[in-house]
Amino acid sequence: MQTELHLLQTPQWGALKSEFGWRAETLPGGLLALFRRLPLGFSVGYVPKAPPAGDWPAWLPELERLCRLQRALFLKIEPDAWQDEPQPFDFAAAGFRPAAAIQPPRTVVIDLTGSEDDLLARMKQKTRYNLRLAEKKGVQVRPAADVSVFAQMMQVTAARDGFGIHSPAYYRRAYELFHPAGLCELFIAEYEGEPLAGLMVFASESRAWYLYGASSNAQRQLMPTYLLQWEAMRWARQRGCQTYDLYGVPDVPEDVLEAEFSNRHDGLWGVYRFKRGFGGQVRRAADAWDKVYNPLLYKLANILRRGAN
């Protein structure tokens, strides 16, 4: 069970979301809750990656008050915990029901402890080869402050791979909020001065997360994304992080992932094929929970969401 503050509970995350369609509320004790406006004056409430052992007897009445004030259809809580861990608070007894998560429920987490040689030894042989290939061929990875280059590559990636992305202003603001506090770095991989790929890595206390990554269509045979991940891991280690979360793979059991990744190319399957090579552990987040205040509209919203998938 996590005892440290998740990235999505930091003041910087609340500030970021408040500039892009959400209302951020901070409860006594520091819990961050977000509200998104809907048509007809309704909203949805969302507590991302909440401390599982937090002061829920005090927080829930305040969350209920805010939900009434914001005319929330429901309140979604995602505990910052893993599925295989004991859960210290019983959300079902408090009137919540298991629900779909907003954040990717299944991920790959890399252990950053030990030496760099230890990290390399835990990787798949092909991943180590690709990483060394990028170095040998002259790919250079550097920290960068020009978020526009990264945002342009995000648009290329979205068009090529069919991923949803944020606006350039979103990535720029994320960098402006997190980087001065030492909680974020933007890395760009280049070859002979041409940007080939980029990623934004974030950190909070002893954990780091790979949230946003992009690549151009040029020189992909030079494997720049492998060297990028390695430099992001090294950055995380230098600031004291012990884990590096690759943040999002298909939500199926690990045996299914391993049995099917070589044959599947839809959705996040290609992403898993890449991420598995870095030697991490597949983990699944604890269940998300919804407290429903308007059952009819909640049911309609779920029908519409399933129809859009």
C-alpha atoms as a PDB file:
ATOM      1  CA  MET A   1       0.000   0.000   0.000  1.00  0.00           C
ATOM      2  CA  GLN A   2       1.353   3.399  -0.988  1.00  0.00           C
ATOM      3  CA  THR A   3       2.013   5.932   1.767  1.00  0.00           C
ATOM      4  CA  GLU A   4       3.499   8.693  -0.396  1.00  0.00           C
ATOM      5  CA  LEU A   5       1.689  11.377  -2.351  1.00  0.00           C
ATOM      6  CA  HIS A   6       0.829  10.306  -5.875  1.00  0.00           C
ATOM      7  CA  LEU A   7       1.646  12.669  -8.714  1.00  0.00           C
ATOM      8  CA  LEU A   8      -2.087  13.104  -9.401  1.00  0.00           C
ATOM      9  CA  GLN A   9      -2.609  14.388  -5.852  1.00  0.00           C
ATOM     10  CA  THR A  10       0.024  17.134  -6.023  1.00  0.00           C
ATOM     11  CA  PRO A  11      -0.909  20.837  -6.023  1.00  0.00           C
ATOM     12  CA  GLN A  12       0.687  21.108  -9.472  1.00  0.00           C
ATOM     13  CA  TRP A  13      -1.714  18.514 -10.855  1.00  0.00           C
ATOM     14  CA  GLY A  14      -4.682  20.380  -9.421  1.00  0.00           C
ATOM     15  CA  ALA A  15      -3.401  23.617 -10.956  1.00  0.00           C
ATOM     16  CA  LEU A  16      -2.930  21.944 -14.338  1.00  0.00           C
ATOM     17  CA  LYS A  17      -6.381  20.386 -14.447  1.00  0.00           C
ATOM     18  CA  SER A  18      -8.031  23.606 -13.259  1.00  0.00           C
ATOM     19  CA  GLU A  19      -6.756  25.327 -16.411  1.00  0.00           C
ATOM     20  CA  PHE A  20      -8.163  22.652 -18.713  1.00  0.00           C
ATOM     21  CA  GLY A  21     -11.801  22.137 -17.875  1.00  0.00           C
ATOM     22  CA  TRP A  22     -11.772  20.980 -14.248  1.00  0.00           C
ATOM     23  CA  ARG A  23     -12.465  22.702 -10.955  1.00  0.00           C
ATOM     24  CA  ALA A  24      -9.908  21.737  -8.293  1.00  0.00           C
ATOM     25  CA  GLU A  25     -10.861  21.573  -4.610  1.00  0.00           C
ATOM     26  CA  THR A  26      -8.379  20.799  -1.838  1.00  0.00           C
ATOM     27  CA  LEU A  27      -9.876  19.361   1.348  1.00  0.00           C
ATOM     28  CA  PRO A  28      -8.414  19.730   4.839  1.00  0.00           C
ATOM     29  CA  GLY A  29      -5.592  17.224   5.026  1.00  0.00           C
ATOM     30  CA  GLY A  30      -4.617  17.903   1.414  1.00  0.00           C
ATOM     31  CA  LEU A  31      -6.941  15.604  -0.565  1.00  0.00           C
ATOM     32  CA  LEU A  32      -7.384  16.848  -4.147  1.00  0.00           C
ATOM     33  CA  ALA A  33     -10.844  16.497  -5.705  1.00  0.00           C
ATOM     34  CA  LEU A  34     -11.704  17.526  -9.270  1.00  0.00           C
ATOM     35  CA  PHE A  35     -15.065  18.481 -10.742  1.00  0.00           C
ATOM     36  CA  ARG A  36     -15.924  18.592 -14.438  1.00  0.00           C
ATOM     37  CA  ARG A  37     -18.914  20.586 -15.629  1.00  0.00           C
ATOM     38  CA  LEU A  38     -21.552  18.871 -17.757  1.00  0.00           C
ATOM     39  CA  PRO A  39     -24.507  20.279 -19.700  1.00  0.00           C
ATOM     40  CA  LEU A  40     -27.608  21.478 -17.805  1.00  0.00           C
ATOM     41  CA  GLY A  41     -25.579  22.486 -14.772  1.00  0.00           C
ATOM     42  CA  PHE A  42     -24.509  18.985 -13.749  1.00  0.00           C
ATOM     43  CA  SER A  43     -20.972  17.797 -13.070  1.00  0.00           C
ATOM     44  CA  VAL A  44     -18.916  14.726 -12.207  1.00  0.00           C
ATOM     45  CA  GLY A  45     -16.618  14.464  -9.206  1.00  0.00           C
ATOM     46  CA  TYR A  46     -13.268  12.702  -9.359  1.00  0.00           C
ATOM     47  CA  VAL A  47     -10.580  11.959  -6.769  1.00  0.00           C
ATOM     48  CA  PRO A  48      -7.549  10.604  -8.661  1.00  0.00           C
ATOM     49  CA  LYS A  49      -5.121   8.254  -6.917  1.00  0.00           C
ATOM     50  CA  ALA A  50      -6.372   9.019  -3.429  1.00  0.00           C
ATOM     51  CA  PRO A  51      -4.358   7.994  -0.342  1.00  0.00           C
ATOM     52  CA  PRO A  52      -5.966   4.644   0.595  1.00  0.00           C
ATOM     53  CA  ALA A  53      -5.265   5.085   4.300  1.00  0.00           C
ATOM     54  CA  GLY A  54      -6.303   8.733   4.402  1.00  0.00           C
ATOM     55  CA  ASP A  55      -8.851  10.341   6.704  1.00  0.00           C
ATOM     56  CA  TRP A  56     -11.908   9.067   4.868  1.00  0.00           C
ATOM     57  CA  PRO A  57     -14.354   9.493   7.797  1.00  0.00           C
ATOM     58  CA  ALA A  58     -13.602  13.230   7.617  1.00  0.00           C
ATOM     59  CA  TRP A  59     -13.136  13.493   3.866  1.00  0.00           C
ATOM     60  CA  LEU A  60     -16.331  11.769   2.728  1.00  0.00           C
ATOM     61  CA  PRO A  61     -18.783  14.225   4.363  1.00  0.00           C
ATOM     62  CA  GLU A  62     -16.865  17.115   2.807  1.00  0.00           C
ATOM     63  CA  LEU A  63     -16.836  15.390  -0.575  1.00  0.00           C
ATOM     64  CA  GLU A  64     -20.594  14.815  -0.276  1.00  0.00           C
ATOM     65  CA  ARG A  65     -21.083  18.529   0.433  1.00  0.00           C
ATOM     66  CA  LEU A  66     -19.017  19.511  -2.608  1.00  0.00           C
ATOM     67  CA  CYS A  67     -20.877  17.022  -4.802  1.00  0.00           C
ATOM     68  CA  ARG A  68     -24.209  18.512  -3.779  1.00  0.00           C
ATOM     69  CA  LEU A  69     -22.888  22.010  -4.396  1.00  0.00           C
ATOM     70  CA  GLN A  70     -21.596  21.035  -7.844  1.00  0.00           C
ATOM     71  CA  ARG A  71     -24.714  18.960  -8.717  1.00  0.00           C
ATOM     72  CA  ALA A  72     -22.510  15.917  -9.350  1.00  0.00           C
ATOM     73  CA  LEU A  73     -24.091  12.894 -11.022  1.00  0.00           C
ATOM     74  CA  PHE A  74     -21.524  10.728  -9.267  1.00  0.00           C
ATOM     75  CA  LEU A  75     -18.230  10.839  -7.408  1.00  0.00           C
ATOM     76  CA  LYS A  76     -15.414   8.588  -8.645  1.00  0.00           C
ATOM     77  CA  ILE A  77     -12.542   7.655  -6.335  1.00  0.00           C
ATOM     78  CA  GLU A  78      -9.437   5.842  -7.534  1.00  0.00           C
ATOM     79  CA  PRO A  79      -7.308   4.668  -4.568  1.00  0.00           C
ATOM     80  CA  ASP A  80      -3.541   4.848  -4.893  1.00  0.00           C
ATOM     81  CA  ALA A  81      -3.130   1.138  -4.220  1.00  0.00           C
ATOM     82  CA  TRP A  82      -2.548  -2.127  -6.034  1.00  0.00           C
ATOM     83  CA  GLN A  83      -5.204  -4.779  -6.474  1.00  0.00           C
ATOM     84  CA  ASP A  84      -3.230  -7.437  -4.615  1.00  0.00           C
ATOM     85  CA  GLU A  85      -2.876  -5.305  -1.452  1.00  0.00           C
ATOM     86  CA  PRO A  86      -5.244  -5.122   1.535  1.00  0.00           C
ATOM     87  CA  GLN A  87      -7.487  -2.070   1.305  1.00  0.00           C
ATOM     88  CA  PRO A  88      -7.668  -0.115   4.590  1.00  0.00           C
ATOM     89  CA  PHE A  89     -11.016   1.573   3.870  1.00  0.00           C
ATOM     90  CA  ASP A  90     -14.272  -0.148   2.869  1.00  0.00           C
ATOM     91  CA  PHE A  91     -15.756   2.050   0.145  1.00  0.00           C
ATOM     92  CA  ALA A  92     -18.576  -0.441  -0.463  1.00  0.00           C
ATOM     93  CA  ALA A  93     -19.764  -0.010   3.122  1.00  0.00           C
ATOM     94  CA  ALA A  94     -19.763   3.753   2.523  1.00  0.00           C
ATOM     95  CA  GLY A  95     -22.222   3.419  -0.370  1.00  0.00           C
ATOM     96  CA  PHE A  96     -19.804   3.172  -3.303  1.00  0.00           C
ATOM     97  CA  ARG A  97     -19.920   0.638  -6.109  1.00  0.00           C
ATOM     98  CA  PRO A  98     -16.995  -0.805  -8.146  1.00  0.00           C
ATOM     99  CA  ALA A  99     -16.593   1.184 -11.348  1.00  0.00           C
ATOM    100  CA  ALA A 100     -14.458   1.750 -14.419  1.00  0.00           C
ATOM    101  CA  ALA A 101     -11.247   3.669 -13.833  1.00  0.00           C
ATOM    102  CA  ILE A 102     -10.174   6.832 -15.611  1.00  0.00           C
ATOM    103  CA  GLN A 103      -6.450   6.163 -15.236  1.00  0.00           C
ATOM    104  CA  PRO A 104      -5.053   3.045 -16.958  1.00  0.00           C
ATOM    105  CA  PRO A 105      -5.717   0.214 -14.495  1.00  0.00           C
ATOM    106  CA  ARG A 106      -2.854  -2.049 -15.561  1.00  0.00           C
ATOM    107  CA  THR A 107       0.751  -0.991 -15.952  1.00  0.00           C
ATOM    108  CA  VAL A 108       4.389  -2.071 -15.880  1.00  0.00           C
ATOM    109  CA  VAL A 109       6.470  -0.857 -12.916  1.00  0.00           C
ATOM    110  CA  ILE A 110      10.266  -0.934 -13.108  1.00  0.00           C
ATOM    111  CA  ASP A 111      12.400  -1.412 -10.015  1.00  0.00           C
ATOM    112  CA  LEU A 112      15.085   1.315 -10.068  1.00  0.00           C
ATOM    113  CA  THR A 113      17.059   0.005  -7.101  1.00  0.00           C
ATOM    114  CA  GLY A 114      20.520  -1.458  -7.519  1.00  0.00           C
ATOM    115  CA  SER A 115      23.172  -0.369 -10.004  1.00  0.00           C
ATOM    116  CA  GLU A 116      22.676   0.647 -13.621  1.00  0.00           C
ATOM    117  CA  ASP A 117      24.109  -2.739 -14.561  1.00  0.00           C
ATOM    118  CA  ASP A 118      21.386  -4.353 -12.437  1.00  0.00           C
ATOM    119  CA  LEU A 119      18.715  -2.433 -14.359  1.00  0.00           C
ATOM    120  CA  LEU A 120      20.206  -3.436 -17.688  1.00  0.00           C
ATOM    121  CA  ALA A 121      20.422  -7.065 -16.588  1.00  0.00           C
ATOM    122  CA  ARG A 122      16.685  -7.096 -15.789  1.00  0.00           C
ATOM    123  CA  MET A 123      15.807  -5.935 -19.313  1.00  0.00           C
ATOM    124  CA  LYS A 124      15.036  -8.245 -22.206  1.00  0.00           C
ATOM    125  CA  GLN A 125      18.048  -8.905 -24.395  1.00  0.00           C
ATOM    126  CA  LYS A 126      16.432  -7.232 -27.425  1.00  0.00           C
ATOM    127  CA  THR A 127      15.731  -4.077 -25.426  1.00  0.00           C
ATOM    128  CA  ARG A 128      19.349  -3.854 -24.253  1.00  0.00           C
ATOM    129  CA  TYR A 129      20.451  -4.357 -27.870  1.00  0.00           C
ATOM    130  CA  ASN A 130      18.178  -1.578 -29.154  1.00  0.00           C
ATOM    131  CA  LEU A 131      19.324   0.781 -26.416  1.00  0.00           C
ATOM    132  CA  ARG A 132      22.982   0.171 -27.250  1.00  0.00           C
ATOM    133  CA  LEU A 133      22.234   0.434 -30.963  1.00  0.00           C
ATOM    134  CA  ALA A 134      20.842   3.941 -30.491  1.00  0.00           C
ATOM    135  CA  GLU A 135      23.968   4.939 -28.558  1.00  0.00           C
ATOM    136  CA  LYS A 136      26.305   3.357 -31.130  1.00  0.00           C
ATOM    137  CA  LYS A 137      24.570   5.031 -34.084  1.00  0.00           C
ATOM    138  CA  GLY A 138      24.933   8.469 -32.510  1.00  0.00           C
ATOM    139  CA  VAL A 139      21.492   9.203 -31.094  1.00  0.00           C
ATOM    140  CA  GLN A 140      21.785  11.930 -28.447  1.00  0.00           C
ATOM    141  CA  VAL A 141      19.292  12.487 -25.612  1.00  0.00           C
ATOM    142  CA  ARG A 142      19.135  15.890 -23.942  1.00  0.00           C
ATOM    143  CA  PRO A 143      16.846  17.751 -21.548  1.00  0.00           C
ATOM    144  CA  ALA A 144      14.832  20.363 -23.417  1.00  0.00           C
ATOM    145  CA  ALA A 145      12.657  23.345 -22.590  1.00  0.00           C
ATOM    146  CA  ASP A 146      11.047  23.819 -26.019  1.00  0.00           C
ATOM    147  CA  VAL A 147       7.776  21.993 -25.501  1.00  0.00           C
ATOM    148  CA  SER A 148       6.556  22.962 -28.983  1.00  0.00           C
ATOM    149  CA  VAL A 149       8.923  20.429 -30.588  1.00  0.00           C
ATOM    150  CA  PHE A 150       7.535  17.713 -28.341  1.00  0.00           C
ATOM    151  CA  ALA A 151       3.927  18.771 -29.030  1.00  0.00           C
ATOM    152  CA  GLN A 152       4.547  18.558 -32.784  1.00  0.00           C
ATOM    153  CA  MET A 153       5.840  15.011 -32.402  1.00  0.00           C
ATOM    154  CA  MET A 154       2.792  14.166 -30.281  1.00  0.00           C
ATOM    155  CA  GLN A 155       0.588  15.148 -33.213  1.00  0.00           C
ATOM    156  CA  VAL A 156       2.596  12.890 -35.521  1.00  0.00           C
ATOM    157  CA  THR A 157       2.324  10.018 -33.053  1.00  0.00           C
ATOM    158  CA  ALA A 158      -1.426  10.507 -32.659  1.00  0.00           C
ATOM    159  CA  ALA A 159      -1.974  10.462 -36.426  1.00  0.00           C
ATOM    160  CA  ARG A 160       0.223   7.382 -36.880  1.00  0.00           C
ATOM    161  CA  ASP A 161      -0.926   5.270 -33.937  1.00  0.00           C
ATOM    162  CA  GLY A 162      -4.467   6.509 -33.338  1.00  0.00           C
ATOM    163  CA  PHE A 163      -3.853   7.797 -29.798  1.00  0.00           C
ATOM    164  CA  GLY A 164      -5.755  10.640 -28.191  1.00  0.00           C
ATOM    165  CA  ILE A 165      -3.551  13.548 -27.142  1.00  0.00           C
ATOM    166  CA  HIS A 166      -3.776  16.854 -25.293  1.00  0.00           C
ATOM    167  CA  SER A 167      -3.360  20.287 -26.833  1.00  0.00           C
ATOM    168  CA  PRO A 168       0.135  21.833 -27.175  1.00  0.00           C
ATOM    169  CA  ALA A 169      -0.882  24.313 -24.462  1.00  0.00           C
ATOM    170  CA  TYR A 170      -1.530  21.431 -22.049  1.00  0.00           C
ATOM    171  CA  TYR A 171       1.978  19.976 -22.395  1.00  0.00           C
ATOM    172  CA  ARG A 172       3.526  23.432 -22.148  1.00  0.00           C
ATOM    173  CA  ARG A 173       1.615  24.230 -18.963  1.00  0.00           C
ATOM    174  CA  ALA A 174       2.455  20.850 -17.429  1.00  0.00           C
ATOM    175  CA  TYR A 175       6.132  21.579 -17.989  1.00  0.00           C
ATOM    176  CA  GLU A 176       5.792  25.094 -16.547  1.00  0.00           C
ATOM    177  CA  LEU A 177       4.105  23.807 -13.385  1.00  0.00           C
ATOM    178  CA  PHE A 178       6.156  20.706 -12.650  1.00  0.00           C
ATOM    179  CA  HIS A 179       9.645  21.433 -13.969  1.00  0.00           C
ATOM    180  CA  PRO A 180      10.534  24.371 -11.677  1.00  0.00           C
ATOM    181  CA  ALA A 181       9.702  22.158  -8.691  1.00  0.00           C
ATOM    182  CA  GLY A 182      12.029  19.415  -9.946  1.00  0.00           C
ATOM    183  CA  LEU A 183       9.063  17.100 -10.564  1.00  0.00           C
ATOM    184  CA  CYS A 184       9.316  16.817 -14.341  1.00  0.00           C
ATOM    185  CA  GLU A 185      11.829  16.629 -17.157  1.00  0.00           C
ATOM    186  CA  LEU A 186      11.358  16.763 -20.900  1.00  0.00           C
ATOM    187  CA  PHE A 187      13.850  14.692 -22.870  1.00  0.00           C
ATOM    188  CA  ILE A 188      14.369  14.882 -26.634  1.00  0.00           C
ATOM    189  CA  ALA A 189      16.275  12.272 -28.647  1.00  0.00           C
ATOM    190  CA  GLU A 190      18.097  13.697 -31.662  1.00  0.00           C
ATOM    191  CA  TYR A 191      20.198  12.436 -34.542  1.00  0.00           C
ATOM    192  CA  GLU A 192      22.480  14.939 -36.280  1.00  0.00           C
ATOM    193  CA  GLY A 193      20.386  17.747 -34.800  1.00  0.00           C
ATOM    194  CA  GLU A 194      17.015  16.339 -35.948  1.00  0.00           C
ATOM    195  CA  PRO A 195      14.475  15.587 -33.182  1.00  0.00           C
ATOM    196  CA  LEU A 196      13.365  11.963 -33.431  1.00  0.00           C
ATOM    197  CA  ALA A 197      11.430  11.315 -30.209  1.00  0.00           C
ATOM    198  CA  GLY A 198      10.591  12.842 -26.859  1.00  0.00           C
ATOM    199  CA  LEU A 199       9.088  12.025 -23.490  1.00  0.00           C
ATOM    200  CA  MET A 200       7.940  13.771 -20.346  1.00  0.00           C
ATOM    201  CA  VAL A 201       8.841  11.989 -17.115  1.00  0.00           C
ATOM    202  CA  PHE A 202       7.323  13.036 -13.787  1.00  0.00           C
ATOM    203  CA  ALA A 203       8.258  12.269 -10.198  1.00  0.00           C
ATOM    204  CA  SER A 204       6.823  12.584  -6.706  1.00  0.00           C
ATOM    205  CA  GLU A 205       8.834  11.454  -3.705  1.00  0.00           C
ATOM    206  CA  SER A 206      10.219   7.961  -4.449  1.00  0.00           C
ATOM    207  CA  ARG A 207       8.133   7.255  -7.572  1.00  0.00           C
ATOM    208  CA  ALA A 208       8.436   8.312 -11.209  1.00  0.00           C
ATOM    209  CA  TRP A 209       5.952   8.036 -14.080  1.00  0.00           C
ATOM    210  CA  TYR A 210       6.268   8.030 -17.845  1.00  0.00           C
ATOM    211  CA  LEU A 211       3.095   9.863 -18.828  1.00  0.00           C
ATOM    212  CA  TYR A 212       3.652  11.294 -22.307  1.00  0.00           C
ATOM    213  CA  GLY A 213       5.810  10.039 -25.156  1.00  0.00           C
ATOM    214  CA  ALA A 214       6.090  10.832 -28.850  1.00  0.00           C
ATOM    215  CA  SER A 215       8.189  10.043 -31.898  1.00  0.00           C
ATOM    216  CA  SER A 216       8.529  11.326 -35.440  1.00  0.00           C
ATOM    217  CA  ASN A 217       8.422   9.137 -38.525  1.00  0.00           C
ATOM    218  CA  ALA A 218      12.104   9.748 -39.280  1.00  0.00           C
ATOM    219  CA  GLN A 219      15.031   7.411 -38.543  1.00  0.00           C
ATOM    220  CA  ARG A 220      12.947   4.981 -36.509  1.00  0.00           C
ATOM    221  CA  GLN A 221      15.489   2.257 -37.240  1.00  0.00           C
ATOM    222  CA  LEU A 222      17.849   4.089 -34.852  1.00  0.00           C
ATOM    223  CA  MET A 223      15.652   3.068 -31.887  1.00  0.00           C
ATOM    224  CA  PRO A 224      15.598   6.500 -30.183  1.00  0.00           C
ATOM    225  CA  THR A 225      12.694   5.632 -27.881  1.00  0.00           C
ATOM    226  CA  TYR A 226      14.751   2.963 -26.109  1.00  0.00           C
ATOM    227  CA  LEU A 227      17.547   5.365 -25.257  1.00  0.00           C
ATOM    228  CA  LEU A 228      14.954   7.934 -24.161  1.00  0.00           C
ATOM    229  CA  GLN A 229      13.492   5.558 -21.603  1.00  0.00           C
ATOM    230  CA  TRP A 230      16.937   4.719 -20.295  1.00  0.00           C
ATOM    231  CA  GLU A 231      17.791   8.387 -19.769  1.00  0.00           C
ATOM    232  CA  ALA A 232      14.425   8.960 -18.070  1.00  0.00           C
ATOM    233  CA  MET A 233      15.174   6.080 -15.688  1.00  0.00           C
ATOM    234  CA  ARG A 234      18.603   7.525 -14.941  1.00  0.00           C
ATOM    235  CA  TRP A 235      17.047  10.925 -14.206  1.00  0.00           C
ATOM    236  CA  ALA A 236      14.523   9.309 -11.862  1.00  0.00           C
ATOM    237  CA  ARG A 237      17.280   7.417 -10.047  1.00  0.00           C
ATOM    238  CA  GLN A 238      19.340  10.588  -9.631  1.00  0.00           C
ATOM    239  CA  ARG A 239      16.485  12.290  -7.820  1.00  0.00           C
ATOM    240  CA  GLY A 240      15.975   9.335  -5.498  1.00  0.00           C
ATOM    241  CA  CYS A 241      13.116   7.460  -7.134  1.00  0.00           C
ATOM    242  CA  GLN A 242      12.893   3.728  -6.501  1.00  0.00           C
ATOM    243  CA  THR A 243      10.229   2.846  -9.087  1.00  0.00           C
ATOM    244  CA  TYR A 244       9.408   3.967 -12.625  1.00  0.00           C
ATOM    245  CA  ASP A 245       5.829   3.455 -13.773  1.00  0.00           C
ATOM    246  CA  LEU A 246       5.416   3.007 -17.535  1.00  0.00           C
ATOM    247  CA  TYR A 247       1.723   3.842 -17.118  1.00  0.00           C
ATOM    248  CA  GLY A 248      -0.633   1.819 -19.216  1.00  0.00           C
ATOM    249  CA  VAL A 249      -0.834  -1.580 -20.942  1.00  0.00           C
ATOM    250  CA  PRO A 250      -3.852  -3.671 -22.042  1.00  0.00           C
ATOM    251  CA  ASP A 251      -6.052  -4.518 -19.073  1.00  0.00           C
ATOM    252  CA  VAL A 252      -5.839  -8.304 -19.262  1.00  0.00           C
ATOM    253  CA  PRO A 253      -3.985 -10.774 -16.995  1.00  0.00           C
ATOM    254  CA  GLU A 254      -0.246 -11.096 -17.475  1.00  0.00           C
ATOM    255  CA  ASP A 255      -0.463 -14.622 -18.872  1.00  0.00           C
ATOM    256  CA  VAL A 256      -2.793 -13.314 -21.599  1.00  0.00           C
ATOM    257  CA  LEU A 257      -0.457 -10.395 -22.276  1.00  0.00           C
ATOM    258  CA  GLU A 258       2.451 -12.761 -22.730  1.00  0.00           C
ATOM    259  CA  ALA A 259       0.480 -15.220 -24.848  1.00  0.00           C
ATOM    260  CA  GLU A 260      -0.934 -12.622 -27.257  1.00  0.00           C
ATOM    261  CA  PHE A 261       1.419  -9.630 -27.448  1.00  0.00           C
ATOM    262  CA  SER A 262       3.291 -10.935 -30.503  1.00  0.00           C
ATOM    263  CA  ASN A 263       0.051 -11.326 -32.477  1.00  0.00           C
ATOM    264  CA  ARG A 264      -1.937  -8.270 -31.393  1.00  0.00           C
ATOM    265  CA  HIS A 265      -1.430  -4.764 -32.737  1.00  0.00           C
ATOM    266  CA  ASP A 266      -4.653  -3.001 -31.721  1.00  0.00           C
ATOM    267  CA  GLY A 267      -5.066  -0.604 -28.824  1.00  0.00           C
ATOM    268  CA  LEU A 268      -2.214  -0.742 -26.302  1.00  0.00           C
ATOM    269  CA  TRP A 269      -0.801  -4.070 -27.468  1.00  0.00           C
ATOM    270  CA  GLY A 270       2.057  -2.475 -29.371  1.00  0.00           C
ATOM    271  CA  VAL A 271       2.751  -0.354 -26.308  1.00  0.00           C
ATOM    272  CA  TYR A 272       2.980  -3.481 -24.154  1.00  0.00           C
ATOM    273  CA  ARG A 273       5.365  -5.108 -26.619  1.00  0.00           C
ATOM    274  CA  PHE A 274       7.693  -2.125 -26.138  1.00  0.00           C
ATOM    275  CA  LYS A 275       7.280  -1.689 -22.377  1.00  0.00           C
ATOM    276  CA  ARG A 276       7.684  -5.357 -21.394  1.00  0.00           C
ATOM    277  CA  GLY A 277      11.269  -5.280 -22.605  1.00  0.00           C
ATOM    278  CA  PHE A 278      12.441  -3.001 -19.798  1.00  0.00           C
ATOM    279  CA  GLY A 279      12.132  -5.727 -17.190  1.00  0.00           C
ATOM    280  CA  GLY A 280       9.350  -4.369 -15.015  1.00  0.00           C
ATOM    281  CA  GLN A 281       6.516  -6.028 -13.131  1.00  0.00           C
ATOM    282  CA  VAL A 282       2.955  -6.051 -14.469  1.00  0.00           C
ATOM    283  CA  ARG A 283       0.641  -4.668 -11.803  1.00  0.00           C
ATOM    284  CA  ARG A 284      -3.044  -3.735 -11.630  1.00  0.00           C
ATOM    285  CA  ALA A 285      -4.466  -0.856  -9.660  1.00  0.00           C
ATOM    286  CA  ALA A 286      -7.088  -1.382  -6.981  1.00  0.00           C
ATOM    287  CA  ASP A 287     -10.697  -0.974  -8.097  1.00  0.00           C
ATOM    288  CA  ALA A 288     -12.143   2.452  -8.707  1.00  0.00           C
ATOM    289  CA  TRP A 289     -15.348   3.327  -6.835  1.00  0.00           C
ATOM    290  CA  ASP A 290     -18.405   5.421  -7.743  1.00  0.00           C
ATOM    291  CA  LYS A 291     -20.901   7.037  -5.383  1.00  0.00           C
ATOM    292  CA  VAL A 292     -24.019   7.682  -7.476  1.00  0.00           C
ATOM    293  CA  TYR A 293     -26.254  10.686  -6.830  1.00  0.00           C
ATOM    294  CA  ASN A 294     -28.398  10.595  -9.984  1.00  0.00           C
ATOM    295  CA  PRO A 295     -29.012   6.940 -10.931  1.00  0.00           C
ATOM    296  CA  LEU A 296     -30.898   7.642 -14.159  1.00  0.00           C
ATOM    297  CA  LEU A 297     -28.338   9.996 -15.662  1.00  0.00           C
ATOM    298  CA  TYR A 298     -25.489   7.852 -14.339  1.00  0.00           C
ATOM    299  CA  LYS A 299     -26.904   4.834 -16.185  1.00  0.00           C
ATOM    300  CA  LEU A 300     -27.336   6.882 -19.356  1.00  0.00           C
ATOM    301  CA  ALA A 301     -23.765   8.168 -19.128  1.00  0.00           C
ATOM    302  CA  ASN A 302     -22.430   4.613 -18.817  1.00  0.00           C
ATOM    303  CA  ILE A 303     -24.450   3.482 -21.837  1.00  0.00           C
ATOM    304  CA  LEU A 304     -23.074   6.365 -23.895  1.00  0.00           C
ATOM    305  CA  ARG A 305     -19.525   5.652 -22.726  1.00  0.00           C
ATOM    306  CA  ARG A 306     -19.766   1.973 -23.689  1.00  0.00           C
ATOM    307  CA  GLY A 307     -21.185   2.912 -27.059  1.00  0.00           C
ATOM    308  CA  ALA A 308     -18.201   5.177 -27.724  1.00  0.00           C
ATOM    309  CA  ASN A 309     -15.622   2.441 -27.002  1.00  0.00           C
END
